[in-house]
Amino acid sequence: MLPRARRLRSAELGAIRGKRFFSEHFSAILTAGARPAFAVVVPNKVANSSVLRHKIRRRVYAALHSKTPKGSLVLFPKTAVAVLPMNELAAELEQLLSKIRSAA
């Protein structure tokens, strides 16, 4: 789990505007936030069960543990992330973050 200081709070997610990035299992929005932090948003459309939504969120936070974005990064996982092996999940997030770093 990420430390609380590196997670965005729900109040900071009010008006998300920024550059969008996409990968096979994620879409992301990079905002010019005041501090480098992450947020993982898993809507009901992706997983109806709250248990599954929290499982997806925990897995993504675990994969992001040693990463630092340039700004505030909001990730929206897709449904297949729930069954994706952890090493593939981490590799895809690393690839998405490198795409974001090169574009920013």
C-alpha atoms as a PDB file:
ATOM      1  CA  MET A   1       0.000   0.000   0.000  1.00  0.00           C
ATOM      2  CA  LEU A   2       1.192   3.480  -0.773  1.00  0.00           C
ATOM      3  CA  PRO A   3       1.835   5.847   2.108  1.00  0.00           C
ATOM      4  CA  ARG A   4      -0.987   8.313   2.657  1.00  0.00           C
ATOM      5  CA  ALA A   5       1.249  11.228   1.649  1.00  0.00           C
ATOM      6  CA  ARG A   6       1.636   9.757  -1.872  1.00  0.00           C
ATOM      7  CA  ARG A   7      -2.110   9.212  -2.424  1.00  0.00           C
ATOM      8  CA  LEU A   8      -4.525  11.832  -3.691  1.00  0.00           C
ATOM      9  CA  ARG A   9      -7.468  12.586  -1.440  1.00  0.00           C
ATOM     10  CA  SER A  10     -11.030  12.521  -2.727  1.00  0.00           C
ATOM     11  CA  ALA A  11     -11.279  16.302  -2.292  1.00  0.00           C
ATOM     12  CA  GLU A  12      -8.376  16.703  -4.730  1.00  0.00           C
ATOM     13  CA  LEU A  13     -10.194  14.629  -7.362  1.00  0.00           C
ATOM     14  CA  GLY A  14     -13.050  17.117  -7.749  1.00  0.00           C
ATOM     15  CA  ALA A  15     -12.098  18.638 -11.089  1.00  0.00           C
ATOM     16  CA  ILE A  16      -9.700  16.299 -12.836  1.00  0.00           C
ATOM     17  CA  ARG A  17      -8.232  17.973 -15.891  1.00  0.00           C
ATOM     18  CA  GLY A  18      -5.032  17.111 -17.636  1.00  0.00           C
ATOM     19  CA  LYS A  19      -3.395  15.046 -20.325  1.00  0.00           C
ATOM     20  CA  ARG A  20      -4.853  11.575 -20.912  1.00  0.00           C
ATOM     21  CA  PHE A  21      -2.840   8.430 -21.516  1.00  0.00           C
ATOM     22  CA  PHE A  22      -4.040   4.932 -22.393  1.00  0.00           C
ATOM     23  CA  SER A  23      -2.743   1.383 -22.262  1.00  0.00           C
ATOM     24  CA  GLU A  24      -4.393  -2.004 -22.705  1.00  0.00           C
ATOM     25  CA  HIS A  25      -5.673  -2.227 -19.116  1.00  0.00           C
ATOM     26  CA  PHE A  26      -5.522   1.388 -17.905  1.00  0.00           C
ATOM     27  CA  SER A  27      -6.452   4.918 -18.748  1.00  0.00           C
ATOM     28  CA  ALA A  28      -4.719   7.704 -16.852  1.00  0.00           C
ATOM     29  CA  ILE A  29      -4.928  11.446 -16.387  1.00  0.00           C
ATOM     30  CA  LEU A  30      -1.803  13.406 -15.518  1.00  0.00           C
ATOM     31  CA  THR A  31      -2.579  16.699 -13.821  1.00  0.00           C
ATOM     32  CA  ALA A  32      -0.181  19.456 -12.891  1.00  0.00           C
ATOM     33  CA  GLY A  33      -0.693  18.852  -9.190  1.00  0.00           C
ATOM     34  CA  ALA A  34       1.205  20.587  -6.454  1.00  0.00           C
ATOM     35  CA  ARG A  35       2.687  17.301  -5.260  1.00  0.00           C
ATOM     36  CA  PRO A  36       3.503  13.992  -6.925  1.00  0.00           C
ATOM     37  CA  ALA A  37       0.747  11.583  -5.913  1.00  0.00           C
ATOM     38  CA  PHE A  38      -1.454   8.769  -7.209  1.00  0.00           C
ATOM     39  CA  ALA A  39      -5.147   7.952  -7.138  1.00  0.00           C
ATOM     40  CA  VAL A  40      -6.780   4.774  -8.366  1.00  0.00           C
ATOM     41  CA  VAL A  41     -10.455   5.094  -9.289  1.00  0.00           C
ATOM     42  CA  VAL A  42     -12.375   1.848  -9.811  1.00  0.00           C
ATOM     43  CA  PRO A  43     -16.011   2.555 -10.757  1.00  0.00           C
ATOM     44  CA  ASN A  44     -18.969   0.197 -10.343  1.00  0.00           C
ATOM     45  CA  LYS A  45     -18.925  -0.387 -14.104  1.00  0.00           C
ATOM     46  CA  VAL A  46     -15.545  -2.141 -13.769  1.00  0.00           C
ATOM     47  CA  ALA A  47     -16.455  -4.257 -10.725  1.00  0.00           C
ATOM     48  CA  ASN A  48     -19.897  -4.455  -9.138  1.00  0.00           C
ATOM     49  CA  SER A  49     -18.602  -5.929  -5.900  1.00  0.00           C
ATOM     50  CA  SER A  50     -16.877  -3.566  -3.474  1.00  0.00           C
ATOM     51  CA  VAL A  51     -14.577  -6.429  -2.483  1.00  0.00           C
ATOM     52  CA  LEU A  52     -13.355  -6.731  -6.072  1.00  0.00           C
ATOM     53  CA  ARG A  53     -13.000  -2.948  -6.465  1.00  0.00           C
ATOM     54  CA  HIS A  54     -10.830  -2.769  -3.347  1.00  0.00           C
ATOM     55  CA  LYS A  55      -8.798  -5.789  -4.487  1.00  0.00           C
ATOM     56  CA  ILE A  56      -8.049  -4.068  -7.801  1.00  0.00           C
ATOM     57  CA  ARG A  57      -7.149  -0.829  -6.003  1.00  0.00           C
ATOM     58  CA  ARG A  58      -4.800  -2.630  -3.570  1.00  0.00           C
ATOM     59  CA  ARG A  59      -3.066  -4.520  -6.400  1.00  0.00           C
ATOM     60  CA  VAL A  60      -2.478  -1.324  -8.390  1.00  0.00           C
ATOM     61  CA  TYR A  61      -1.191   0.548  -5.319  1.00  0.00           C
ATOM     62  CA  ALA A  62       1.169  -2.366  -4.575  1.00  0.00           C
ATOM     63  CA  ALA A  63       2.547  -2.211  -8.131  1.00  0.00           C
ATOM     64  CA  LEU A  64       3.033   1.576  -7.802  1.00  0.00           C
ATOM     65  CA  HIS A  65       4.793   1.377  -4.427  1.00  0.00           C
ATOM     66  CA  SER A  66       8.271   2.342  -5.663  1.00  0.00           C
ATOM     67  CA  LYS A  67       7.173   4.693  -8.469  1.00  0.00           C
ATOM     68  CA  THR A  68       6.906   8.489  -8.394  1.00  0.00           C
ATOM     69  CA  PRO A  69       4.958  10.503 -10.985  1.00  0.00           C
ATOM     70  CA  LYS A  70       5.911  13.985 -12.183  1.00  0.00           C
ATOM     71  CA  GLY A  71       2.533  15.381 -11.133  1.00  0.00           C
ATOM     72  CA  SER A  72      -0.704  14.024  -9.808  1.00  0.00           C
ATOM     73  CA  LEU A  73      -1.667  10.838 -11.633  1.00  0.00           C
ATOM     74  CA  VAL A  74      -5.188   9.403 -11.600  1.00  0.00           C
ATOM     75  CA  LEU A  75      -5.463   5.814 -12.853  1.00  0.00           C
ATOM     76  CA  PHE A  76      -8.650   4.150 -14.085  1.00  0.00           C
ATOM     77  CA  PRO A  77      -8.163   0.360 -14.342  1.00  0.00           C
ATOM     78  CA  LYS A  78     -10.251  -1.710 -16.724  1.00  0.00           C
ATOM     79  CA  THR A  79     -12.085  -4.928 -15.807  1.00  0.00           C
ATOM     80  CA  ALA A  80      -9.315  -7.360 -16.838  1.00  0.00           C
ATOM     81  CA  VAL A  81      -6.926  -5.972 -14.204  1.00  0.00           C
ATOM     82  CA  ALA A  82      -8.635  -8.165 -11.578  1.00  0.00           C
ATOM     83  CA  VAL A  83      -7.267 -11.361 -13.153  1.00  0.00           C
ATOM     84  CA  LEU A  84      -4.020  -9.990 -14.583  1.00  0.00           C
ATOM     85  CA  PRO A  85      -0.902 -11.601 -13.027  1.00  0.00           C
ATOM     86  CA  MET A  86       0.969  -9.219 -10.735  1.00  0.00           C
ATOM     87  CA  ASN A  87       4.185  -9.222 -12.802  1.00  0.00           C
ATOM     88  CA  GLU A  88       2.248  -8.272 -15.963  1.00  0.00           C
ATOM     89  CA  LEU A  89       0.362  -5.598 -14.021  1.00  0.00           C
ATOM     90  CA  ALA A  90       3.615  -4.081 -12.764  1.00  0.00           C
ATOM     91  CA  ALA A  91       5.187  -4.249 -16.239  1.00  0.00           C
ATOM     92  CA  GLU A  92       2.220  -2.530 -17.872  1.00  0.00           C
ATOM     93  CA  LEU A  93       2.192   0.224 -15.246  1.00  0.00           C
ATOM     94  CA  GLU A  94       5.936   0.754 -15.726  1.00  0.00           C
ATOM     95  CA  GLN A  95       5.388   0.991 -19.488  1.00  0.00           C
ATOM     96  CA  LEU A  96       2.544   3.481 -18.999  1.00  0.00           C
ATOM     97  CA  LEU A  97       4.636   5.585 -16.610  1.00  0.00           C
ATOM     98  CA  SER A  98       7.561   5.642 -19.064  1.00  0.00           C
ATOM     99  CA  LYS A  99       5.144   6.798 -21.801  1.00  0.00           C
ATOM    100  CA  ILE A 100       3.935   9.548 -19.469  1.00  0.00           C
ATOM    101  CA  ARG A 101       7.496  10.613 -18.568  1.00  0.00           C
ATOM    102  CA  SER A 102       8.525  10.832 -22.238  1.00  0.00           C
ATOM    103  CA  ALA A 103       5.440  12.880 -23.172  1.00  0.00           C
ATOM    104  CA  ALA A 104       5.599  15.271 -20.224  1.00  0.00           C
END
